[in-house]
PDB file of all heavy atoms in Angstrom:
ATOM      1  N   MET A   1      -2.921  -5.825  -1.378  1.00  0.00           N
ATOM      2  CA  MET A   1      -3.498  -5.080  -2.494  1.00  0.00           C
ATOM      3  C   MET A   1      -5.016  -5.189  -2.418  1.00  0.00           C
ATOM      4  O   MET A   1      -5.570  -6.292  -2.417  1.00  0.00           O
ATOM      5  CB  MET A   1      -2.975  -5.611  -3.828  1.00  0.00           C
ATOM      6  CG  MET A   1      -1.451  -5.668  -3.898  1.00  0.00           C
ATOM      7  SD  MET A   1      -0.799  -6.313  -5.449  1.00  0.00           S
ATOM      8  CE  MET A   1      -1.114  -4.926  -6.533  1.00  0.00           C
ATOM      9  N   GLY A   2      -5.679  -4.029  -2.354  1.00  0.00           N
ATOM     10  CA  GLY A   2      -7.122  -4.009  -2.177  1.00  0.00           C
ATOM     11  C   GLY A   2      -7.891  -4.686  -3.293  1.00  0.00           C
ATOM     12  O   GLY A   2      -9.018  -5.135  -3.095  1.00  0.00           O
ATOM     13  N   GLN A   3      -7.298  -4.773  -4.494  1.00  0.00           N
ATOM     14  CA  GLN A   3      -7.996  -5.362  -5.628  1.00  0.00           C
ATOM     15  C   GLN A   3      -7.601  -6.824  -5.861  1.00  0.00           C
ATOM     16  O   GLN A   3      -8.035  -7.435  -6.832  1.00  0.00           O
ATOM     17  CB  GLN A   3      -7.735  -4.533  -6.887  1.00  0.00           C
ATOM     18  CG  GLN A   3      -8.174  -3.079  -6.739  1.00  0.00           C
ATOM     19  CD  GLN A   3      -8.080  -2.306  -8.028  1.00  0.00           C
ATOM     20  OE1 GLN A   3      -8.756  -2.606  -8.995  1.00  0.00           O
ATOM     21  NE2 GLN A   3      -7.226  -1.293  -8.057  1.00  0.00           N
ATOM     22  N   LYS A   4      -6.774  -7.375  -5.010  1.00  0.00           N
ATOM     23  CA  LYS A   4      -6.402  -8.787  -5.114  1.00  0.00           C
ATOM     24  C   LYS A   4      -6.556  -9.415  -3.730  1.00  0.00           C
ATOM     25  O   LYS A   4      -6.494  -8.728  -2.720  1.00  0.00           O
ATOM     26  CB  LYS A   4      -4.966  -8.942  -5.624  1.00  0.00           C
ATOM     27  CG  LYS A   4      -4.757  -8.366  -7.018  1.00  0.00           C
ATOM     28  CD  LYS A   4      -3.350  -8.613  -7.502  1.00  0.00           C
ATOM     29  CE  LYS A   4      -3.110  -7.993  -8.873  1.00  0.00           C
ATOM     30  NZ  LYS A   4      -3.932  -8.609  -9.916  1.00  0.00           N
ATOM     31  N   GLN A   5      -6.736 -10.732  -3.682  1.00  0.00           N
ATOM     32  CA  GLN A   5      -6.912 -11.346  -2.381  1.00  0.00           C
ATOM     33  C   GLN A   5      -6.019 -12.572  -2.234  1.00  0.00           C
ATOM     34  O   GLN A   5      -5.660 -13.233  -3.214  1.00  0.00           O
ATOM     35  CB  GLN A   5      -8.368 -11.740  -2.159  1.00  0.00           C
ATOM     36  CG  GLN A   5      -8.858 -12.923  -2.978  1.00  0.00           C
ATOM     37  CD  GLN A   5     -10.217 -13.395  -2.488  1.00  0.00           C
ATOM     38  OE1 GLN A   5     -11.073 -12.597  -2.172  1.00  0.00           O
ATOM     39  NE2 GLN A   5     -10.400 -14.689  -2.435  1.00  0.00           N
ATOM     40  N   GLN A   6      -5.666 -12.839  -0.996  1.00  0.00           N
ATOM     41  CA  GLN A   6      -4.872 -14.016  -0.683  1.00  0.00           C
ATOM     42  C   GLN A   6      -5.699 -15.070   0.047  1.00  0.00           C
ATOM     43  O   GLN A   6      -5.245 -16.200   0.240  1.00  0.00           O
ATOM     44  CB  GLN A   6      -3.674 -13.629   0.182  1.00  0.00           C
ATOM     45  CG  GLN A   6      -4.052 -12.999   1.525  1.00  0.00           C
ATOM     46  CD  GLN A   6      -2.851 -12.718   2.396  1.00  0.00           C
ATOM     47  OE1 GLN A   6      -1.953 -13.541   2.513  1.00  0.00           O
ATOM     48  NE2 GLN A   6      -2.840 -11.542   3.022  1.00  0.00           N
ATOM     49  N   LEU A   7      -6.918 -14.704   0.458  1.00  0.00           N
ATOM     50  CA  LEU A   7      -7.770 -15.668   1.174  1.00  0.00           C
ATOM     51  C   LEU A   7      -8.186 -16.806   0.254  1.00  0.00           C
ATOM     52  O   LEU A   7      -8.472 -16.587  -0.926  1.00  0.00           O
ATOM     53  CB  LEU A   7      -9.015 -14.973   1.722  1.00  0.00           C
ATOM     54  CG  LEU A   7      -8.806 -13.854   2.745  1.00  0.00           C
ATOM     55  CD1 LEU A   7     -10.147 -13.237   3.121  1.00  0.00           C
ATOM     56  CD2 LEU A   7      -8.091 -14.368   3.976  1.00  0.00           C
ATOM     57  N   LEU A   8      -8.223 -18.004   0.800  1.00  0.00           N
ATOM     58  CA  LEU A   8      -8.721 -19.163   0.052  1.00  0.00           C
ATOM     59  C   LEU A   8     -10.237 -19.035  -0.078  1.00  0.00           C
ATOM     60  O   LEU A   8     -10.957 -19.000   0.923  1.00  0.00           O
ATOM     61  CB  LEU A   8      -8.333 -20.455   0.773  1.00  0.00           C
ATOM     62  CG  LEU A   8      -6.814 -20.634   0.968  1.00  0.00           C
ATOM     63  CD1 LEU A   8      -6.530 -21.811   1.886  1.00  0.00           C
ATOM     64  CD2 LEU A   8      -6.121 -20.806  -0.368  1.00  0.00           C
ATOM     65  N   TRP A   9     -10.733 -18.963  -1.294  1.00  0.00           N
ATOM     66  CA  TRP A   9     -12.096 -18.518  -1.585  1.00  0.00           C
ATOM     67  C   TRP A   9     -13.178 -19.363  -0.911  1.00  0.00           C
ATOM     68  O   TRP A   9     -14.155 -18.838  -0.388  1.00  0.00           O
ATOM     69  CB  TRP A   9     -12.304 -18.499  -3.092  1.00  0.00           C
ATOM     70  CG  TRP A   9     -13.611 -17.913  -3.548  1.00  0.00           C
ATOM     71  CD1 TRP A   9     -14.600 -18.536  -4.235  1.00  0.00           C
ATOM     72  CD2 TRP A   9     -14.062 -16.562  -3.356  1.00  0.00           C
ATOM     73  NE1 TRP A   9     -15.646 -17.679  -4.498  1.00  0.00           N
ATOM     74  CE2 TRP A   9     -15.333 -16.443  -3.958  1.00  0.00           C
ATOM     75  CE3 TRP A   9     -13.522 -15.440  -2.719  1.00  0.00           C
ATOM     76  CZ2 TRP A   9     -16.068 -15.263  -3.949  1.00  0.00           C
ATOM     77  CZ3 TRP A   9     -14.255 -14.271  -2.719  1.00  0.00           C
ATOM     78  CH2 TRP A   9     -15.508 -14.190  -3.321  1.00  0.00           C
ATOM     79  N   ASP A  10     -13.029 -20.670  -0.929  1.00  0.00           N
ATOM     80  CA  ASP A  10     -14.086 -21.549  -0.419  1.00  0.00           C
ATOM     81  C   ASP A  10     -13.875 -21.975   1.028  1.00  0.00           C
ATOM     82  O   ASP A  10     -14.678 -22.742   1.568  1.00  0.00           O
ATOM     83  CB  ASP A  10     -14.202 -22.804  -1.296  1.00  0.00           C
ATOM     84  CG  ASP A  10     -14.759 -22.485  -2.677  1.00  0.00           C
ATOM     85  OD1 ASP A  10     -15.782 -21.781  -2.732  1.00  0.00           O
ATOM     86  OD2 ASP A  10     -14.165 -22.911  -3.679  1.00  0.00           O
ATOM     87  N   LEU A  11     -12.798 -21.477   1.646  1.00  0.00           N
ATOM     88  CA  LEU A  11     -12.483 -21.873   3.020  1.00  0.00           C
ATOM     89  C   LEU A  11     -12.569 -20.670   3.959  1.00  0.00           C
ATOM     90  O   LEU A  11     -12.432 -19.521   3.525  1.00  0.00           O
ATOM     91  CB  LEU A  11     -11.077 -22.479   3.091  1.00  0.00           C
ATOM     92  CG  LEU A  11     -10.857 -23.776   2.294  1.00  0.00           C
ATOM     93  CD1 LEU A  11      -9.406 -24.211   2.403  1.00  0.00           C
ATOM     94  CD2 LEU A  11     -11.786 -24.876   2.784  1.00  0.00           C
ATOM     95  N   PRO A  12     -12.786 -20.905   5.233  1.00  0.00           N
ATOM     96  CA  PRO A  12     -12.792 -19.796   6.197  1.00  0.00           C
ATOM     97  C   PRO A  12     -11.417 -19.123   6.259  1.00  0.00           C
ATOM     98  O   PRO A  12     -10.387 -19.783   6.064  1.00  0.00           O
ATOM     99  CB  PRO A  12     -13.130 -20.482   7.531  1.00  0.00           C
ATOM    100  CG  PRO A  12     -13.757 -21.776   7.154  1.00  0.00           C
ATOM    101  CD  PRO A  12     -13.109 -22.192   5.869  1.00  0.00           C
ATOM    102  N   PRO A  13     -11.359 -17.820   6.544  1.00  0.00           N
ATOM    103  CA  PRO A  13     -10.071 -17.120   6.650  1.00  0.00           C
ATOM    104  C   PRO A  13      -9.112 -17.756   7.646  1.00  0.00           C
ATOM    105  O   PRO A  13      -7.890 -17.651   7.486  1.00  0.00           O
ATOM    106  CB  PRO A  13     -10.483 -15.711   7.097  1.00  0.00           C
ATOM    107  CG  PRO A  13     -11.851 -15.538   6.540  1.00  0.00           C
ATOM    108  CD  PRO A  13     -12.489 -16.887   6.652  1.00  0.00           C
ATOM    109  N   LEU A  14      -9.651 -18.417   8.666  1.00  0.00           N
ATOM    110  CA  LEU A  14      -8.780 -19.058   9.648  1.00  0.00           C
ATOM    111  C   LEU A  14      -7.863 -20.078   8.996  1.00  0.00           C
ATOM    112  O   LEU A  14      -6.721 -20.269   9.435  1.00  0.00           O
ATOM    113  CB  LEU A  14      -9.621 -19.717  10.744  1.00  0.00           C
ATOM    114  CG  LEU A  14      -8.862 -20.244  11.960  1.00  0.00           C
ATOM    115  CD1 LEU A  14      -8.035 -19.146  12.621  1.00  0.00           C
ATOM    116  CD2 LEU A  14      -9.834 -20.866  12.960  1.00  0.00           C
ATOM    117  N   GLU A  15      -8.344 -20.733   7.929  1.00  0.00           N
ATOM    118  CA  GLU A  15      -7.504 -21.709   7.214  1.00  0.00           C
ATOM    119  C   GLU A  15      -6.330 -20.993   6.533  1.00  0.00           C
ATOM    120  O   GLU A  15      -5.202 -21.500   6.533  1.00  0.00           O
ATOM    121  CB  GLU A  15      -8.339 -22.450   6.170  1.00  0.00           C
ATOM    122  CG  GLU A  15      -9.486 -23.257   6.740  1.00  0.00           C
ATOM    123  CD  GLU A  15      -9.003 -24.492   7.482  1.00  0.00           C
ATOM    124  OE1 GLU A  15      -7.844 -24.898   7.281  1.00  0.00           O
ATOM    125  OE2 GLU A  15      -9.787 -25.052   8.279  1.00  0.00           O
ATOM    126  N   THR A  16      -6.584 -19.822   5.955  1.00  0.00           N
ATOM    127  CA  THR A  16      -5.499 -19.049   5.330  1.00  0.00           C
ATOM    128  C   THR A  16      -4.493 -18.600   6.382  1.00  0.00           C
ATOM    129  O   THR A  16      -3.277 -18.642   6.156  1.00  0.00           O
ATOM    130  CB  THR A  16      -6.063 -17.826   4.592  1.00  0.00           C
ATOM    131  OG1 THR A  16      -6.994 -18.261   3.598  1.00  0.00           O
ATOM    132  CG2 THR A  16      -4.955 -17.036   3.916  1.00  0.00           C
ATOM    133  N   LEU A  17      -4.986 -18.184   7.545  1.00  0.00           N
ATOM    134  CA  LEU A  17      -4.081 -17.775   8.613  1.00  0.00           C
ATOM    135  C   LEU A  17      -3.214 -18.936   9.088  1.00  0.00           C
ATOM    136  O   LEU A  17      -2.018 -18.767   9.351  1.00  0.00           O
ATOM    137  CB  LEU A  17      -4.872 -17.182   9.782  1.00  0.00           C
ATOM    138  CG  LEU A  17      -5.112 -15.670   9.723  1.00  0.00           C
ATOM    139  CD1 LEU A  17      -6.104 -15.317   8.620  1.00  0.00           C
ATOM    140  CD2 LEU A  17      -5.596 -15.126  11.059  1.00  0.00           C
ATOM    141  N   GLU A  18      -3.816 -20.114   9.194  1.00  0.00           N
ATOM    142  CA  GLU A  18      -3.052 -21.304   9.584  1.00  0.00           C
ATOM    143  C   GLU A  18      -1.995 -21.638   8.524  1.00  0.00           C
ATOM    144  O   GLU A  18      -0.868 -22.028   8.856  1.00  0.00           O
ATOM    145  CB  GLU A  18      -3.994 -22.488   9.772  1.00  0.00           C
ATOM    146  CG  GLU A  18      -4.824 -22.441  11.054  1.00  0.00           C
ATOM    147  CD  GLU A  18      -4.019 -22.858  12.278  1.00  0.00           C
ATOM    148  OE1 GLU A  18      -2.803 -23.142  12.136  1.00  0.00           O
ATOM    149  OE2 GLU A  18      -4.595 -22.881  13.378  1.00  0.00           O
ATOM    150  N   LEU A  19      -2.363 -21.491   7.259  1.00  0.00           N
ATOM    151  CA  LEU A  19      -1.411 -21.736   6.176  1.00  0.00           C
ATOM    152  C   LEU A  19      -0.245 -20.752   6.254  1.00  0.00           C
ATOM    153  O   LEU A  19       0.930 -21.146   6.144  1.00  0.00           O
ATOM    154  CB  LEU A  19      -2.112 -21.626   4.822  1.00  0.00           C
ATOM    155  CG  LEU A  19      -1.218 -21.782   3.583  1.00  0.00           C
ATOM    156  CD1 LEU A  19      -0.588 -23.168   3.536  1.00  0.00           C
ATOM    157  CD2 LEU A  19      -2.030 -21.523   2.308  1.00  0.00           C
ATOM    158  N   ASN A  20      -0.559 -19.462   6.465  1.00  0.00           N
ATOM    159  CA  ASN A  20       0.500 -18.461   6.589  1.00  0.00           C
ATOM    160  C   ASN A  20       1.369 -18.713   7.812  1.00  0.00           C
ATOM    161  O   ASN A  20       2.581 -18.456   7.789  1.00  0.00           O
ATOM    162  CB  ASN A  20      -0.108 -17.062   6.660  1.00  0.00           C
ATOM    163  CG  ASN A  20      -0.622 -16.592   5.310  1.00  0.00           C
ATOM    164  OD1 ASN A  20      -0.538 -17.317   4.326  1.00  0.00           O
ATOM    165  ND2 ASN A  20      -1.164 -15.386   5.264  1.00  0.00           N
ATOM    166  N   ARG A  21       0.777 -19.222   8.884  1.00  0.00           N
ATOM    167  CA  ARG A  21       1.564 -19.565  10.070  1.00  0.00           C
ATOM    168  C   ARG A  21       2.620 -20.592   9.725  1.00  0.00           C
ATOM    169  O   ARG A  21       3.795 -20.470  10.116  1.00  0.00           O
ATOM    170  CB  ARG A  21       0.649 -20.118  11.163  1.00  0.00           C
ATOM    171  CG  ARG A  21       1.395 -20.459  12.460  1.00  0.00           C
ATOM    172  CD  ARG A  21       0.629 -21.428  13.325  1.00  0.00           C
ATOM    173  NE  ARG A  21       0.534 -22.747  12.704  1.00  0.00           N
ATOM    174  CZ  ARG A  21       1.535 -23.641  12.675  1.00  0.00           C
ATOM    175  NH1 ARG A  21       2.716 -23.344  13.218  1.00  0.00           N
ATOM    176  NH2 ARG A  21       1.376 -24.808  12.091  1.00  0.00           N
ATOM    177  N   ALA A  22       2.222 -21.590   8.947  1.00  0.00           N
ATOM    178  CA  ALA A  22       3.172 -22.642   8.562  1.00  0.00           C
ATOM    179  C   ALA A  22       4.228 -22.107   7.602  1.00  0.00           C
ATOM    180  O   ALA A  22       5.419 -22.432   7.726  1.00  0.00           O
ATOM    181  CB  ALA A  22       2.408 -23.804   7.930  1.00  0.00           C
ATOM    182  N   ILE A  23       3.803 -21.281   6.637  1.00  0.00           N
ATOM    183  CA  ILE A  23       4.745 -20.739   5.657  1.00  0.00           C
ATOM    184  C   ILE A  23       5.800 -19.875   6.329  1.00  0.00           C
ATOM    185  O   ILE A  23       7.001 -19.980   6.028  1.00  0.00           O
ATOM    186  CB  ILE A  23       3.987 -19.922   4.583  1.00  0.00           C
ATOM    187  CG1 ILE A  23       3.145 -20.859   3.711  1.00  0.00           C
ATOM    188  CG2 ILE A  23       4.952 -19.112   3.724  1.00  0.00           C
ATOM    189  CD1 ILE A  23       2.236 -20.141   2.735  1.00  0.00           C
ATOM    190  N   TYR A  24       5.375 -19.036   7.265  1.00  0.00           N
ATOM    191  CA  TYR A  24       6.296 -18.120   7.921  1.00  0.00           C
ATOM    192  C   TYR A  24       6.921 -18.712   9.188  1.00  0.00           C
ATOM    193  O   TYR A  24       7.657 -18.030   9.896  1.00  0.00           O
ATOM    194  CB  TYR A  24       5.580 -16.810   8.264  1.00  0.00           C
ATOM    195  CG  TYR A  24       5.271 -15.967   7.049  1.00  0.00           C
ATOM    196  CD1 TYR A  24       3.985 -15.913   6.522  1.00  0.00           C
ATOM    197  CD2 TYR A  24       6.268 -15.239   6.410  1.00  0.00           C
ATOM    198  CE1 TYR A  24       3.691 -15.139   5.404  1.00  0.00           C
ATOM    199  CE2 TYR A  24       5.998 -14.469   5.303  1.00  0.00           C
ATOM    200  CZ  TYR A  24       4.701 -14.426   4.800  1.00  0.00           C
ATOM    201  OH  TYR A  24       4.427 -13.657   3.690  1.00  0.00           O
ATOM    202  N   GLU A  25       6.610 -19.973   9.465  1.00  0.00           N
ATOM    203  CA  GLU A  25       7.206 -20.710  10.589  1.00  0.00           C
ATOM    204  C   GLU A  25       6.977 -19.991  11.921  1.00  0.00           C
ATOM    205  O   GLU A  25       7.883 -19.846  12.738  1.00  0.00           O
ATOM    206  CB  GLU A  25       8.697 -20.922  10.345  1.00  0.00           C
ATOM    207  CG  GLU A  25       8.981 -21.741   9.084  1.00  0.00           C
ATOM    208  CD  GLU A  25      10.476 -21.905   8.824  1.00  0.00           C
ATOM    209  OE1 GLU A  25      11.271 -21.065   9.307  1.00  0.00           O
ATOM    210  OE2 GLU A  25      10.848 -22.869   8.143  1.00  0.00           O
ATOM    211  N   VAL A  26       5.745 -19.550  12.119  1.00  0.00           N
ATOM    212  CA  VAL A  26       5.371 -18.911  13.380  1.00  0.00           C
ATOM    213  C   VAL A  26       4.990 -20.006  14.373  1.00  0.00           C
ATOM    214  O   VAL A  26       4.163 -20.868  14.072  1.00  0.00           O
ATOM    215  CB  VAL A  26       4.176 -17.950  13.179  1.00  0.00           C
ATOM    216  CG1 VAL A  26       3.786 -17.308  14.505  1.00  0.00           C
ATOM    217  CG2 VAL A  26       4.523 -16.889  12.143  1.00  0.00           C
ATOM    218  N   GLN A  27       5.599 -19.982  15.536  1.00  0.00           N
ATOM    219  CA  GLN A  27       5.305 -20.986  16.547  1.00  0.00           C
ATOM    220  C   GLN A  27       3.839 -20.883  16.997  1.00  0.00           C
ATOM    221  O   GLN A  27       3.282 -19.786  17.082  1.00  0.00           O
ATOM    222  CB  GLN A  27       6.234 -20.821  17.757  1.00  0.00           C
ATOM    223  CG  GLN A  27       7.704 -21.027  17.420  1.00  0.00           C
ATOM    224  CD  GLN A  27       7.997 -22.435  16.929  1.00  0.00           C
ATOM    225  OE1 GLN A  27       7.490 -23.415  17.490  1.00  0.00           O
ATOM    226  NE2 GLN A  27       8.800 -22.542  15.879  1.00  0.00           N
ATOM    227  N   LYS A  28       3.231 -22.019  17.303  1.00  0.00           N
ATOM    228  CA  LYS A  28       1.804 -22.037  17.617  1.00  0.00           C
ATOM    229  C   LYS A  28       1.425 -21.150  18.810  1.00  0.00           C
ATOM    230  O   LYS A  28       0.403 -20.451  18.756  1.00  0.00           O
ATOM    231  CB  LYS A  28       1.337 -23.473  17.838  1.00  0.00           C
ATOM    232  CG  LYS A  28       1.236 -24.270  16.534  1.00  0.00           C
ATOM    233  CD  LYS A  28       0.552 -25.601  16.742  1.00  0.00           C
ATOM    234  CE  LYS A  28       0.384 -26.329  15.403  1.00  0.00           C
ATOM    235  NZ  LYS A  28      -0.324 -27.623  15.572  1.00  0.00           N
ATOM    236  N   PRO A  29       2.186 -21.150  19.901  1.00  0.00           N
ATOM    237  CA  PRO A  29       1.825 -20.240  21.006  1.00  0.00           C
ATOM    238  C   PRO A  29       1.855 -18.769  20.582  1.00  0.00           C
ATOM    239  O   PRO A  29       0.986 -17.989  20.973  1.00  0.00           O
ATOM    240  CB  PRO A  29       2.885 -20.539  22.074  1.00  0.00           C
ATOM    241  CG  PRO A  29       3.353 -21.923  21.771  1.00  0.00           C
ATOM    242  CD  PRO A  29       3.321 -22.035  20.290  1.00  0.00           C
TER     243      PRO A  29
END
């Protein structure tokens, strides 16, 4: 949603991507 965000405000987007990787159980490779 363009008017809402899921990024962690004070952290780099890479941290949010890493969090989503863990939530969705995406293998590291």
